[in-house]
């Protein structure tokens, strides 16, 4: 009888922490996307639920060499915090690449998405930020803001962090939590421009639908990772910044032309719709050049890819098998 493994969020949290293995897993997925012609990654399927400020994304990808591929269902309902519920949740289904049978049902409530998204931020910083970058600014005060900082500490010698959020009280609340988790300087900054000034890494983690960073604020040598623009209406970075950046890198150029920060620069007439840019996987693989000098302004436009979901699901399944975690279900 075919069997599948069922893993709950609490079980997954125990076996898949945000660590260097998760970063490597995500890095390898991006590399595969760049060098493996056989990788299959269809466009994101998205359903909008405007009455509830909600959306549901479905992502998937097949990566040669992995025994399974994931299909992820990822809802984001941004009014939920007002009623005491998280804004994101979801699940992943891992199917066998040989038979199509379900290998695992990962009831992670969005946890694996949080991990792979933060890991992607670490990968972007590793390959695009200055090697000695130690001052970081985080825009946003939610779960991803905290995880992005945690991920950055895995790849860069962070010693000072500034946090900005539209609701300054939320930024202050996050800072108090971060002070318990890290032994470096962490502060909430009310002025977004001051938050960026002198910073070497800037990460945006908001659902903003209009720019929260002006192009004129960016300084030579800075690296910006934009995480929030995973839908056509979302926009965190001034489109002029995309045009002026010394280096712009997409996680998937097909996606960022359609729904990332690049999409807004194209719509504004600042860049041609077919303008070519490197993808993160190409930079990782050495096929394209990222940062060329310490004075470059670099921008990574990360919209979230199916290869990340398949990679992190495969890691979770491998860990579950090794540690006999989860429950078996016979179909």
C-alpha atoms as a PDB file:
ATOM      1  CA  UNK A   1       0.000   0.000   0.000  1.00  0.00           C
ATOM      2  CA  UNK A   2       1.314   3.471  -0.842  1.00  0.00           C
ATOM      3  CA  UNK A   3       2.178   5.494   2.233  1.00  0.00           C
ATOM      4  CA  UNK A   4       2.846   9.156   2.796  1.00  0.00           C
ATOM      5  CA  UNK A   5       4.408  11.020   5.673  1.00  0.00           C
ATOM      6  CA  UNK A   6       2.414  13.730   7.445  1.00  0.00           C
ATOM      7  CA  UNK A   7       4.377  16.391   9.294  1.00  0.00           C
ATOM      8  CA  UNK A   8       2.881  19.088  11.508  1.00  0.00           C
ATOM      9  CA  UNK A   9       4.271  22.579  11.912  1.00  0.00           C
ATOM     10  CA  UNK A  10       5.753  21.791  15.321  1.00  0.00           C
ATOM     11  CA  UNK A  11       7.511  18.697  13.938  1.00  0.00           C
ATOM     12  CA  UNK A  12       8.846  20.636  10.951  1.00  0.00           C
ATOM     13  CA  UNK A  13      10.146  23.438  13.172  1.00  0.00           C
ATOM     14  CA  UNK A  14      12.199  20.905  15.122  1.00  0.00           C
ATOM     15  CA  UNK A  15      13.879  19.363  12.080  1.00  0.00           C
ATOM     16  CA  UNK A  16      14.243  22.364   9.715  1.00  0.00           C
ATOM     17  CA  UNK A  17      15.633  25.412  11.522  1.00  0.00           C
ATOM     18  CA  UNK A  18      16.864  28.488   9.684  1.00  0.00           C
ATOM     19  CA  UNK A  19      20.531  27.524   9.507  1.00  0.00           C
ATOM     20  CA  UNK A  20      23.391  27.210   7.019  1.00  0.00           C
ATOM     21  CA  UNK A  21      21.913  23.958   5.675  1.00  0.00           C
ATOM     22  CA  UNK A  22      18.718  25.805   4.764  1.00  0.00           C
ATOM     23  CA  UNK A  23      20.786  28.547   3.127  1.00  0.00           C
ATOM     24  CA  UNK A  24      22.812  26.007   1.124  1.00  0.00           C
ATOM     25  CA  UNK A  25      19.651  24.166   0.117  1.00  0.00           C
ATOM     26  CA  UNK A  26      18.200  27.423  -1.239  1.00  0.00           C
ATOM     27  CA  UNK A  27      21.482  28.421  -2.893  1.00  0.00           C
ATOM     28  CA  UNK A  28      21.652  25.048  -4.668  1.00  0.00           C
ATOM     29  CA  UNK A  29      18.073  25.504  -5.894  1.00  0.00           C
ATOM     30  CA  UNK A  30      18.921  28.856  -7.484  1.00  0.00           C
ATOM     31  CA  UNK A  31      22.052  27.362  -9.050  1.00  0.00           C
ATOM     32  CA  UNK A  32      19.999  24.511 -10.520  1.00  0.00           C
ATOM     33  CA  UNK A  33      17.576  27.005 -12.021  1.00  0.00           C
ATOM     34  CA  UNK A  34      20.497  28.653 -13.818  1.00  0.00           C
ATOM     35  CA  UNK A  35      22.423  25.602 -15.052  1.00  0.00           C
ATOM     36  CA  UNK A  36      19.866  22.801 -15.410  1.00  0.00           C
ATOM     37  CA  UNK A  37      17.922  23.095 -18.652  1.00  0.00           C
ATOM     38  CA  UNK A  38      15.663  20.318 -17.389  1.00  0.00           C
ATOM     39  CA  UNK A  39      14.351  22.336 -14.430  1.00  0.00           C
ATOM     40  CA  UNK A  40      10.618  22.850 -14.873  1.00  0.00           C
ATOM     41  CA  UNK A  41       9.064  25.865 -13.150  1.00  0.00           C
ATOM     42  CA  UNK A  42       5.705  27.073 -14.436  1.00  0.00           C
ATOM     43  CA  UNK A  43       4.405  30.582 -13.749  1.00  0.00           C
ATOM     44  CA  UNK A  44       2.896  31.297 -10.341  1.00  0.00           C
ATOM     45  CA  UNK A  45      -0.838  30.705 -10.099  1.00  0.00           C
ATOM     46  CA  UNK A  46      -2.436  33.407  -7.979  1.00  0.00           C
ATOM     47  CA  UNK A  47      -5.981  33.923  -6.798  1.00  0.00           C
ATOM     48  CA  UNK A  48      -6.935  37.318  -5.349  1.00  0.00           C
ATOM     49  CA  UNK A  49      -9.617  37.651  -2.681  1.00  0.00           C
ATOM     50  CA  UNK A  50      -9.930  41.460  -2.553  1.00  0.00           C
ATOM     51  CA  UNK A  51     -12.864  41.599  -0.124  1.00  0.00           C
ATOM     52  CA  UNK A  52     -10.591  40.178   2.575  1.00  0.00           C
ATOM     53  CA  UNK A  53      -7.297  41.723   1.407  1.00  0.00           C
ATOM     54  CA  UNK A  54      -6.319  38.180   0.593  1.00  0.00           C
ATOM     55  CA  UNK A  55      -4.369  36.281  -2.021  1.00  0.00           C
ATOM     56  CA  UNK A  56      -3.398  32.660  -2.601  1.00  0.00           C
ATOM     57  CA  UNK A  57      -0.250  31.696  -4.507  1.00  0.00           C
ATOM     58  CA  UNK A  58       0.442  28.223  -5.870  1.00  0.00           C
ATOM     59  CA  UNK A  59       4.068  27.462  -6.749  1.00  0.00           C
ATOM     60  CA  UNK A  60       5.878  24.362  -7.936  1.00  0.00           C
ATOM     61  CA  UNK A  61       9.046  23.199  -9.671  1.00  0.00           C
ATOM     62  CA  UNK A  62      10.773  20.007 -10.727  1.00  0.00           C
ATOM     63  CA  UNK A  63      14.538  19.893 -10.112  1.00  0.00           C
ATOM     64  CA  UNK A  64      16.475  17.000 -11.683  1.00  0.00           C
ATOM     65  CA  UNK A  65      18.297  14.946  -9.097  1.00  0.00           C
ATOM     66  CA  UNK A  66      15.746  15.397  -6.335  1.00  0.00           C
ATOM     67  CA  UNK A  67      13.481  12.451  -5.568  1.00  0.00           C
ATOM     68  CA  UNK A  68      10.427  14.657  -5.159  1.00  0.00           C
ATOM     69  CA  UNK A  69       8.860  17.928  -6.255  1.00  0.00           C
ATOM     70  CA  UNK A  70       6.649  20.214  -4.211  1.00  0.00           C
ATOM     71  CA  UNK A  71       3.364  21.939  -4.867  1.00  0.00           C
ATOM     72  CA  UNK A  72       2.845  24.755  -2.401  1.00  0.00           C
ATOM     73  CA  UNK A  73      -0.403  26.513  -1.487  1.00  0.00           C
ATOM     74  CA  UNK A  74       0.376  29.827   0.189  1.00  0.00           C
ATOM     75  CA  UNK A  75      -2.443  32.135   1.351  1.00  0.00           C
ATOM     76  CA  UNK A  76      -1.775  35.658   2.560  1.00  0.00           C
ATOM     77  CA  UNK A  77      -4.717  37.450   4.206  1.00  0.00           C
ATOM     78  CA  UNK A  78      -3.445  40.791   5.456  1.00  0.00           C
ATOM     79  CA  UNK A  79      -6.448  41.777   7.581  1.00  0.00           C
ATOM     80  CA  UNK A  80      -5.934  38.701   9.774  1.00  0.00           C
ATOM     81  CA  UNK A  81      -3.779  40.363  12.456  1.00  0.00           C
ATOM     82  CA  UNK A  82      -6.753  42.607  13.308  1.00  0.00           C
ATOM     83  CA  UNK A  83      -8.663  39.493  14.382  1.00  0.00           C
ATOM     84  CA  UNK A  84      -5.762  37.791  16.089  1.00  0.00           C
ATOM     85  CA  UNK A  85      -4.733  35.490  13.249  1.00  0.00           C
ATOM     86  CA  UNK A  86      -1.440  35.294  11.324  1.00  0.00           C
ATOM     87  CA  UNK A  87      -1.452  36.956   7.914  1.00  0.00           C
ATOM     88  CA  UNK A  88       0.157  33.962   6.193  1.00  0.00           C
ATOM     89  CA  UNK A  89      -0.239  30.198   6.407  1.00  0.00           C
ATOM     90  CA  UNK A  90      -0.312  27.313   3.950  1.00  0.00           C
ATOM     91  CA  UNK A  91       0.999  23.851   3.215  1.00  0.00           C
ATOM     92  CA  UNK A  92       3.271  21.931   0.847  1.00  0.00           C
ATOM     93  CA  UNK A  93       2.693  18.587  -0.852  1.00  0.00           C
ATOM     94  CA  UNK A  94       5.792  16.619  -1.887  1.00  0.00           C
ATOM     95  CA  UNK A  95       5.268  14.138  -4.723  1.00  0.00           C
ATOM     96  CA  UNK A  96       7.616  11.478  -6.068  1.00  0.00           C
ATOM     97  CA  UNK A  97       9.473  12.521  -9.211  1.00  0.00           C
ATOM     98  CA  UNK A  98       9.294   8.889 -10.404  1.00  0.00           C
ATOM     99  CA  UNK A  99       5.706   7.893  -9.687  1.00  0.00           C
ATOM    100  CA  UNK A 100       3.808  11.073  -8.887  1.00  0.00           C
ATOM    101  CA  UNK A 101       2.609   9.518  -5.640  1.00  0.00           C
ATOM    102  CA  UNK A 102       2.443  11.773  -2.588  1.00  0.00           C
ATOM    103  CA  UNK A 103       5.548  11.329  -0.438  1.00  0.00           C
ATOM    104  CA  UNK A 104       4.711  13.854   2.251  1.00  0.00           C
ATOM    105  CA  UNK A 105       2.085  16.310   3.380  1.00  0.00           C
ATOM    106  CA  UNK A 106       3.845  19.210   5.087  1.00  0.00           C
ATOM    107  CA  UNK A 107       1.323  21.058   7.253  1.00  0.00           C
ATOM    108  CA  UNK A 108       3.735  23.884   7.986  1.00  0.00           C
ATOM    109  CA  UNK A 109       1.305  26.844   8.103  1.00  0.00           C
ATOM    110  CA  UNK A 110       3.773  28.843   6.016  1.00  0.00           C
ATOM    111  CA  UNK A 111       6.815  28.079   8.203  1.00  0.00           C
ATOM    112  CA  UNK A 112       8.848  26.489   5.389  1.00  0.00           C
ATOM    113  CA  UNK A 113       8.035  29.449   3.155  1.00  0.00           C
ATOM    114  CA  UNK A 114       9.315  31.764   5.882  1.00  0.00           C
ATOM    115  CA  UNK A 115      12.534  29.738   6.153  1.00  0.00           C
ATOM    116  CA  UNK A 116      13.232  29.518   2.416  1.00  0.00           C
ATOM    117  CA  UNK A 117      12.385  33.220   1.955  1.00  0.00           C
ATOM    118  CA  UNK A 118      14.802  34.246   4.698  1.00  0.00           C
ATOM    119  CA  UNK A 119      17.402  31.837   3.316  1.00  0.00           C
ATOM    120  CA  UNK A 120      17.044  33.487  -0.094  1.00  0.00           C
ATOM    121  CA  UNK A 121      17.801  36.836   1.533  1.00  0.00           C
ATOM    122  CA  UNK A 122      20.969  35.332   2.991  1.00  0.00           C
ATOM    123  CA  UNK A 123      21.959  33.942  -0.417  1.00  0.00           C
ATOM    124  CA  UNK A 124      21.432  37.354  -2.048  1.00  0.00           C
ATOM    125  CA  UNK A 125      23.530  39.087   0.624  1.00  0.00           C
ATOM    126  CA  UNK A 126      26.253  36.443   0.386  1.00  0.00           C
ATOM    127  CA  UNK A 127      26.693  36.990  -3.346  1.00  0.00           C
ATOM    128  CA  UNK A 128      25.905  40.707  -3.710  1.00  0.00           C
ATOM    129  CA  UNK A 129      26.644  42.594  -0.467  1.00  0.00           C
ATOM    130  CA  UNK A 130      30.128  43.702   0.511  1.00  0.00           C
ATOM    131  CA  UNK A 131      31.956  40.907   2.337  1.00  0.00           C
ATOM    132  CA  UNK A 132      32.524  43.020   5.443  1.00  0.00           C
ATOM    133  CA  UNK A 133      28.997  44.490   5.516  1.00  0.00           C
ATOM    134  CA  UNK A 134      28.118  44.883   9.191  1.00  0.00           C
ATOM    135  CA  UNK A 135      25.312  47.475   9.352  1.00  0.00           C
ATOM    136  CA  UNK A 136      21.848  46.373   8.219  1.00  0.00           C
ATOM    137  CA  UNK A 137      18.468  48.044   7.940  1.00  0.00           C
ATOM    138  CA  UNK A 138      15.252  46.036   7.976  1.00  0.00           C
ATOM    139  CA  UNK A 139      12.025  47.531   6.657  1.00  0.00           C
ATOM    140  CA  UNK A 140       9.021  45.840   8.259  1.00  0.00           C
ATOM    141  CA  UNK A 141       8.250  44.439  11.693  1.00  0.00           C
ATOM    142  CA  UNK A 142       6.705  41.053  11.016  1.00  0.00           C
ATOM    143  CA  UNK A 143       7.958  37.481  11.102  1.00  0.00           C
ATOM    144  CA  UNK A 144       9.996  37.863   7.935  1.00  0.00           C
ATOM    145  CA  UNK A 145      11.754  40.951   9.269  1.00  0.00           C
ATOM    146  CA  UNK A 146      13.036  38.950  12.226  1.00  0.00           C
ATOM    147  CA  UNK A 147      14.007  35.974  10.082  1.00  0.00           C
ATOM    148  CA  UNK A 148      15.781  38.094   7.475  1.00  0.00           C
ATOM    149  CA  UNK A 149      18.031  39.466  10.198  1.00  0.00           C
ATOM    150  CA  UNK A 150      18.676  35.983  11.553  1.00  0.00           C
ATOM    151  CA  UNK A 151      19.580  34.816   8.045  1.00  0.00           C
ATOM    152  CA  UNK A 152      21.918  37.771   7.462  1.00  0.00           C
ATOM    153  CA  UNK A 153      23.909  36.887  10.574  1.00  0.00           C
ATOM    154  CA  UNK A 154      24.693  33.510   8.990  1.00  0.00           C
ATOM    155  CA  UNK A 155      26.532  35.082   6.052  1.00  0.00           C
ATOM    156  CA  UNK A 156      27.727  38.549   7.132  1.00  0.00           C
ATOM    157  CA  UNK A 157      29.376  39.958  10.299  1.00  0.00           C
ATOM    158  CA  UNK A 158      26.380  42.029  11.413  1.00  0.00           C
ATOM    159  CA  UNK A 159      27.081  44.347  14.371  1.00  0.00           C
ATOM    160  CA  UNK A 160      24.371  46.995  14.056  1.00  0.00           C
ATOM    161  CA  UNK A 161      20.729  46.820  12.921  1.00  0.00           C
ATOM    162  CA  UNK A 162      18.087  49.496  12.387  1.00  0.00           C
ATOM    163  CA  UNK A 163      14.387  48.638  12.058  1.00  0.00           C
ATOM    164  CA  UNK A 164      11.785  50.811  10.364  1.00  0.00           C
ATOM    165  CA  UNK A 165       8.051  50.150  10.060  1.00  0.00           C
ATOM    166  CA  UNK A 166       5.089  52.323   9.169  1.00  0.00           C
ATOM    167  CA  UNK A 167       3.818  51.703  12.699  1.00  0.00           C
ATOM    168  CA  UNK A 168       6.773  52.794  14.815  1.00  0.00           C
ATOM    169  CA  UNK A 169       5.350  51.017  17.857  1.00  0.00           C
ATOM    170  CA  UNK A 170       5.597  47.701  15.998  1.00  0.00           C
ATOM    171  CA  UNK A 171       9.210  48.472  15.103  1.00  0.00           C
ATOM    172  CA  UNK A 172       9.945  49.181  18.772  1.00  0.00           C
ATOM    173  CA  UNK A 173       8.236  45.952  19.810  1.00  0.00           C
ATOM    174  CA  UNK A 174      10.277  43.924  17.315  1.00  0.00           C
ATOM    175  CA  UNK A 175      13.471  45.594  18.498  1.00  0.00           C
ATOM    176  CA  UNK A 176      12.817  44.496  22.070  1.00  0.00           C
ATOM    177  CA  UNK A 177      12.502  40.889  20.874  1.00  0.00           C
ATOM    178  CA  UNK A 178      15.612  41.150  18.695  1.00  0.00           C
ATOM    179  CA  UNK A 179      17.658  42.446  21.624  1.00  0.00           C
ATOM    180  CA  UNK A 180      16.943  39.159  23.384  1.00  0.00           C
ATOM    181  CA  UNK A 181      18.098  37.149  20.365  1.00  0.00           C
ATOM    182  CA  UNK A 182      21.249  39.062  19.356  1.00  0.00           C
ATOM    183  CA  UNK A 183      24.178  40.613  21.180  1.00  0.00           C
ATOM    184  CA  UNK A 184      24.668  43.594  18.849  1.00  0.00           C
ATOM    185  CA  UNK A 185      23.096  47.045  18.627  1.00  0.00           C
ATOM    186  CA  UNK A 186      19.449  47.025  17.489  1.00  0.00           C
ATOM    187  CA  UNK A 187      17.322  50.182  17.284  1.00  0.00           C
ATOM    188  CA  UNK A 188      13.987  51.359  15.925  1.00  0.00           C
ATOM    189  CA  UNK A 189      14.282  54.367  13.608  1.00  0.00           C
ATOM    190  CA  UNK A 190      11.239  56.495  12.806  1.00  0.00           C
ATOM    191  CA  UNK A 191      12.667  58.214   9.702  1.00  0.00           C
ATOM    192  CA  UNK A 192      13.171  55.729   6.830  1.00  0.00           C
ATOM    193  CA  UNK A 193      15.898  57.820   5.210  1.00  0.00           C
ATOM    194  CA  UNK A 194      17.874  57.979   8.467  1.00  0.00           C
ATOM    195  CA  UNK A 195      17.412  54.234   8.824  1.00  0.00           C
ATOM    196  CA  UNK A 196      19.191  53.718   5.497  1.00  0.00           C
ATOM    197  CA  UNK A 197      21.947  56.324   5.862  1.00  0.00           C
ATOM    198  CA  UNK A 198      25.275  54.578   6.414  1.00  0.00           C
ATOM    199  CA  UNK A 199      23.734  51.125   6.235  1.00  0.00           C
ATOM    200  CA  UNK A 200      25.417  48.517   4.043  1.00  0.00           C
ATOM    201  CA  UNK A 201      22.533  46.055   3.646  1.00  0.00           C
ATOM    202  CA  UNK A 202      18.881  47.051   3.334  1.00  0.00           C
ATOM    203  CA  UNK A 203      16.123  44.424   3.348  1.00  0.00           C
ATOM    204  CA  UNK A 204      12.466  45.250   2.673  1.00  0.00           C
ATOM    205  CA  UNK A 205       9.889  42.798   4.024  1.00  0.00           C
ATOM    206  CA  UNK A 206       6.567  44.627   3.654  1.00  0.00           C
ATOM    207  CA  UNK A 207       3.348  44.230   1.626  1.00  0.00           C
ATOM    208  CA  UNK A 208       3.652  47.899   0.522  1.00  0.00           C
ATOM    209  CA  UNK A 209       1.795  48.938  -2.628  1.00  0.00           C
ATOM    210  CA  UNK A 210       3.815  52.131  -3.082  1.00  0.00           C
ATOM    211  CA  UNK A 211       7.552  52.752  -2.677  1.00  0.00           C
ATOM    212  CA  UNK A 212       8.917  53.025   0.846  1.00  0.00           C
ATOM    213  CA  UNK A 213      12.501  53.623  -0.358  1.00  0.00           C
ATOM    214  CA  UNK A 214      13.366  56.592  -2.571  1.00  0.00           C
ATOM    215  CA  UNK A 215      16.106  56.218  -5.166  1.00  0.00           C
ATOM    216  CA  UNK A 216      17.875  59.343  -3.890  1.00  0.00           C
ATOM    217  CA  UNK A 217      18.432  57.751  -0.464  1.00  0.00           C
ATOM    218  CA  UNK A 218      20.679  54.966  -1.731  1.00  0.00           C
ATOM    219  CA  UNK A 219      24.421  55.330  -1.221  1.00  0.00           C
ATOM    220  CA  UNK A 220      27.447  53.849  -3.023  1.00  0.00           C
ATOM    221  CA  UNK A 221      28.282  50.371  -1.775  1.00  0.00           C
ATOM    222  CA  UNK A 222      24.816  49.536  -0.472  1.00  0.00           C
ATOM    223  CA  UNK A 223      23.003  46.302  -1.207  1.00  0.00           C
ATOM    224  CA  UNK A 224      19.194  46.164  -1.219  1.00  0.00           C
ATOM    225  CA  UNK A 225      17.147  42.979  -1.076  1.00  0.00           C
ATOM    226  CA  UNK A 226      13.470  43.524  -1.895  1.00  0.00           C
ATOM    227  CA  UNK A 227      11.356  40.664  -0.565  1.00  0.00           C
ATOM    228  CA  UNK A 228       7.810  41.981  -0.555  1.00  0.00           C
ATOM    229  CA  UNK A 229       6.843  42.512  -4.201  1.00  0.00           C
ATOM    230  CA  UNK A 230       5.412  39.087  -4.954  1.00  0.00           C
ATOM    231  CA  UNK A 231       2.260  40.419  -6.638  1.00  0.00           C
ATOM    232  CA  UNK A 232       1.670  42.939  -9.408  1.00  0.00           C
ATOM    233  CA  UNK A 233       0.286  45.636  -7.100  1.00  0.00           C
ATOM    234  CA  UNK A 234       3.096  45.442  -4.531  1.00  0.00           C
ATOM    235  CA  UNK A 235       5.958  47.930  -4.771  1.00  0.00           C
ATOM    236  CA  UNK A 236       8.608  48.681  -2.133  1.00  0.00           C
ATOM    237  CA  UNK A 237      11.414  50.321  -4.142  1.00  0.00           C
ATOM    238  CA  UNK A 238      11.290  53.546  -6.166  1.00  0.00           C
ATOM    239  CA  UNK A 239      11.372  52.373  -9.827  1.00  0.00           C
ATOM    240  CA  UNK A 240      14.094  54.948 -10.530  1.00  0.00           C
ATOM    241  CA  UNK A 241      16.364  52.988  -8.148  1.00  0.00           C
ATOM    242  CA  UNK A 242      16.012  49.919 -10.371  1.00  0.00           C
ATOM    243  CA  UNK A 243      17.057  51.984 -13.377  1.00  0.00           C
ATOM    244  CA  UNK A 244      20.036  53.592 -11.607  1.00  0.00           C
ATOM    245  CA  UNK A 245      21.397  50.555  -9.752  1.00  0.00           C
ATOM    246  CA  UNK A 246      24.851  49.408 -10.821  1.00  0.00           C
ATOM    247  CA  UNK A 247      23.696  45.808 -10.505  1.00  0.00           C
ATOM    248  CA  UNK A 248      20.112  44.522 -10.600  1.00  0.00           C
ATOM    249  CA  UNK A 249      19.582  40.785 -10.034  1.00  0.00           C
ATOM    250  CA  UNK A 250      16.290  38.861 -10.262  1.00  0.00           C
ATOM    251  CA  UNK A 251      15.427  35.535  -8.682  1.00  0.00           C
ATOM    252  CA  UNK A 252      13.487  34.786 -11.887  1.00  0.00           C
ATOM    253  CA  UNK A 253      13.531  37.387 -14.648  1.00  0.00           C
ATOM    254  CA  UNK A 254      10.255  36.067 -16.061  1.00  0.00           C
ATOM    255  CA  UNK A 255       8.637  36.689 -12.685  1.00  0.00           C
ATOM    256  CA  UNK A 256      10.159  40.071 -11.868  1.00  0.00           C
ATOM    257  CA  UNK A 257       9.166  41.402 -15.279  1.00  0.00           C
ATOM    258  CA  UNK A 258       5.601  40.482 -14.376  1.00  0.00           C
ATOM    259  CA  UNK A 259       5.269  41.119 -10.658  1.00  0.00           C
ATOM    260  CA  UNK A 260       8.525  42.253  -9.047  1.00  0.00           C
ATOM    261  CA  UNK A 261      10.158  45.640  -8.564  1.00  0.00           C
ATOM    262  CA  UNK A 262      11.391  45.428 -12.170  1.00  0.00           C
ATOM    263  CA  UNK A 263       7.764  45.255 -13.293  1.00  0.00           C
ATOM    264  CA  UNK A 264       7.142  48.772 -11.928  1.00  0.00           C
ATOM    265  CA  UNK A 265      10.262  50.198 -13.603  1.00  0.00           C
ATOM    266  CA  UNK A 266       9.078  48.743 -16.910  1.00  0.00           C
ATOM    267  CA  UNK A 267       5.544  50.097 -16.408  1.00  0.00           C
ATOM    268  CA  UNK A 268       6.999  53.535 -15.656  1.00  0.00           C
ATOM    269  CA  UNK A 269       8.834  53.477 -19.002  1.00  0.00           C
ATOM    270  CA  UNK A 270      12.235  53.547 -17.299  1.00  0.00           C
ATOM    271  CA  UNK A 271      13.342  50.188 -18.706  1.00  0.00           C
ATOM    272  CA  UNK A 272      12.411  48.152 -21.764  1.00  0.00           C
ATOM    273  CA  UNK A 273      10.169  45.160 -21.215  1.00  0.00           C
ATOM    274  CA  UNK A 274      12.812  42.860 -22.684  1.00  0.00           C
ATOM    275  CA  UNK A 275      15.784  44.431 -20.862  1.00  0.00           C
ATOM    276  CA  UNK A 276      18.158  41.652 -19.850  1.00  0.00           C
ATOM    277  CA  UNK A 277      19.535  41.269 -16.333  1.00  0.00           C
ATOM    278  CA  UNK A 278      21.334  38.502 -14.441  1.00  0.00           C
ATOM    279  CA  UNK A 279      19.445  36.052 -12.280  1.00  0.00           C
ATOM    280  CA  UNK A 280      20.653  35.121  -8.816  1.00  0.00           C
ATOM    281  CA  UNK A 281      21.341  31.532  -9.871  1.00  0.00           C
ATOM    282  CA  UNK A 282      23.563  32.753 -12.710  1.00  0.00           C
ATOM    283  CA  UNK A 283      25.583  34.869 -10.281  1.00  0.00           C
ATOM    284  CA  UNK A 284      25.913  31.900  -7.899  1.00  0.00           C
ATOM    285  CA  UNK A 285      27.050  29.651 -10.766  1.00  0.00           C
ATOM    286  CA  UNK A 286      29.554  32.228 -12.006  1.00  0.00           C
ATOM    287  CA  UNK A 287      27.802  32.598 -15.358  1.00  0.00           C
ATOM    288  CA  UNK A 288      27.030  36.285 -14.716  1.00  0.00           C
ATOM    289  CA  UNK A 289      28.832  38.917 -12.665  1.00  0.00           C
ATOM    290  CA  UNK A 290      27.192  40.472  -9.617  1.00  0.00           C
ATOM    291  CA  UNK A 291      28.943  43.148  -7.573  1.00  0.00           C
ATOM    292  CA  UNK A 292      31.943  44.513  -9.456  1.00  0.00           C
ATOM    293  CA  UNK A 293      33.294  46.981  -6.889  1.00  0.00           C
ATOM    294  CA  UNK A 294      32.808  48.133  -3.297  1.00  0.00           C
ATOM    295  CA  UNK A 295      31.055  51.271  -4.573  1.00  0.00           C
ATOM    296  CA  UNK A 296      28.357  49.440  -6.569  1.00  0.00           C
ATOM    297  CA  UNK A 297      24.729  49.787  -5.538  1.00  0.00           C
ATOM    298  CA  UNK A 298      23.213  46.323  -5.912  1.00  0.00           C
ATOM    299  CA  UNK A 299      19.548  45.325  -5.818  1.00  0.00           C
ATOM    300  CA  UNK A 300      18.144  41.801  -5.539  1.00  0.00           C
ATOM    301  CA  UNK A 301      14.504  41.482  -6.576  1.00  0.00           C
ATOM    302  CA  UNK A 302      13.179  38.315  -4.911  1.00  0.00           C
ATOM    303  CA  UNK A 303       9.607  37.357  -5.725  1.00  0.00           C
ATOM    304  CA  UNK A 304       9.758  33.745  -4.458  1.00  0.00           C
ATOM    305  CA  UNK A 305      10.241  30.747  -6.733  1.00  0.00           C
ATOM    306  CA  UNK A 306       8.975  27.203  -6.958  1.00  0.00           C
ATOM    307  CA  UNK A 307      12.514  25.821  -6.910  1.00  0.00           C
ATOM    308  CA  UNK A 308      12.903  27.187  -3.388  1.00  0.00           C
ATOM    309  CA  UNK A 309       9.748  25.374  -2.283  1.00  0.00           C
ATOM    310  CA  UNK A 310      10.789  22.073  -3.816  1.00  0.00           C
ATOM    311  CA  UNK A 311      14.262  22.343  -2.296  1.00  0.00           C
ATOM    312  CA  UNK A 312      13.099  23.144   1.248  1.00  0.00           C
ATOM    313  CA  UNK A 313      10.380  20.449   1.070  1.00  0.00           C
ATOM    314  CA  UNK A 314      12.951  17.875  -0.010  1.00  0.00           C
ATOM    315  CA  UNK A 315      15.174  18.904   2.907  1.00  0.00           C
ATOM    316  CA  UNK A 316      12.263  18.545   5.340  1.00  0.00           C
ATOM    317  CA  UNK A 317      11.399  15.089   3.977  1.00  0.00           C
ATOM    318  CA  UNK A 318      15.027  13.956   4.154  1.00  0.00           C
ATOM    319  CA  UNK A 319      15.318  15.119   7.765  1.00  0.00           C
ATOM    320  CA  UNK A 320      12.014  13.438   8.635  1.00  0.00           C
ATOM    321  CA  UNK A 321      13.236  10.147   7.186  1.00  0.00           C
ATOM    322  CA  UNK A 322      16.562  10.379   9.031  1.00  0.00           C
ATOM    323  CA  UNK A 323      14.952  11.195  12.368  1.00  0.00           C
ATOM    324  CA  UNK A 324      11.788   9.130  12.005  1.00  0.00           C
ATOM    325  CA  UNK A 325       9.684  12.259  12.457  1.00  0.00           C
ATOM    326  CA  UNK A 326       6.026  12.609  11.488  1.00  0.00           C
ATOM    327  CA  UNK A 327       3.251  10.087  11.033  1.00  0.00           C
ATOM    328  CA  UNK A 328       2.728   7.524   8.257  1.00  0.00           C
ATOM    329  CA  UNK A 329      -0.605   7.404   6.493  1.00  0.00           C
ATOM    330  CA  UNK A 330      -1.644   4.521   4.219  1.00  0.00           C
ATOM    331  CA  UNK A 331      -3.836   5.467   1.294  1.00  0.00           C
END
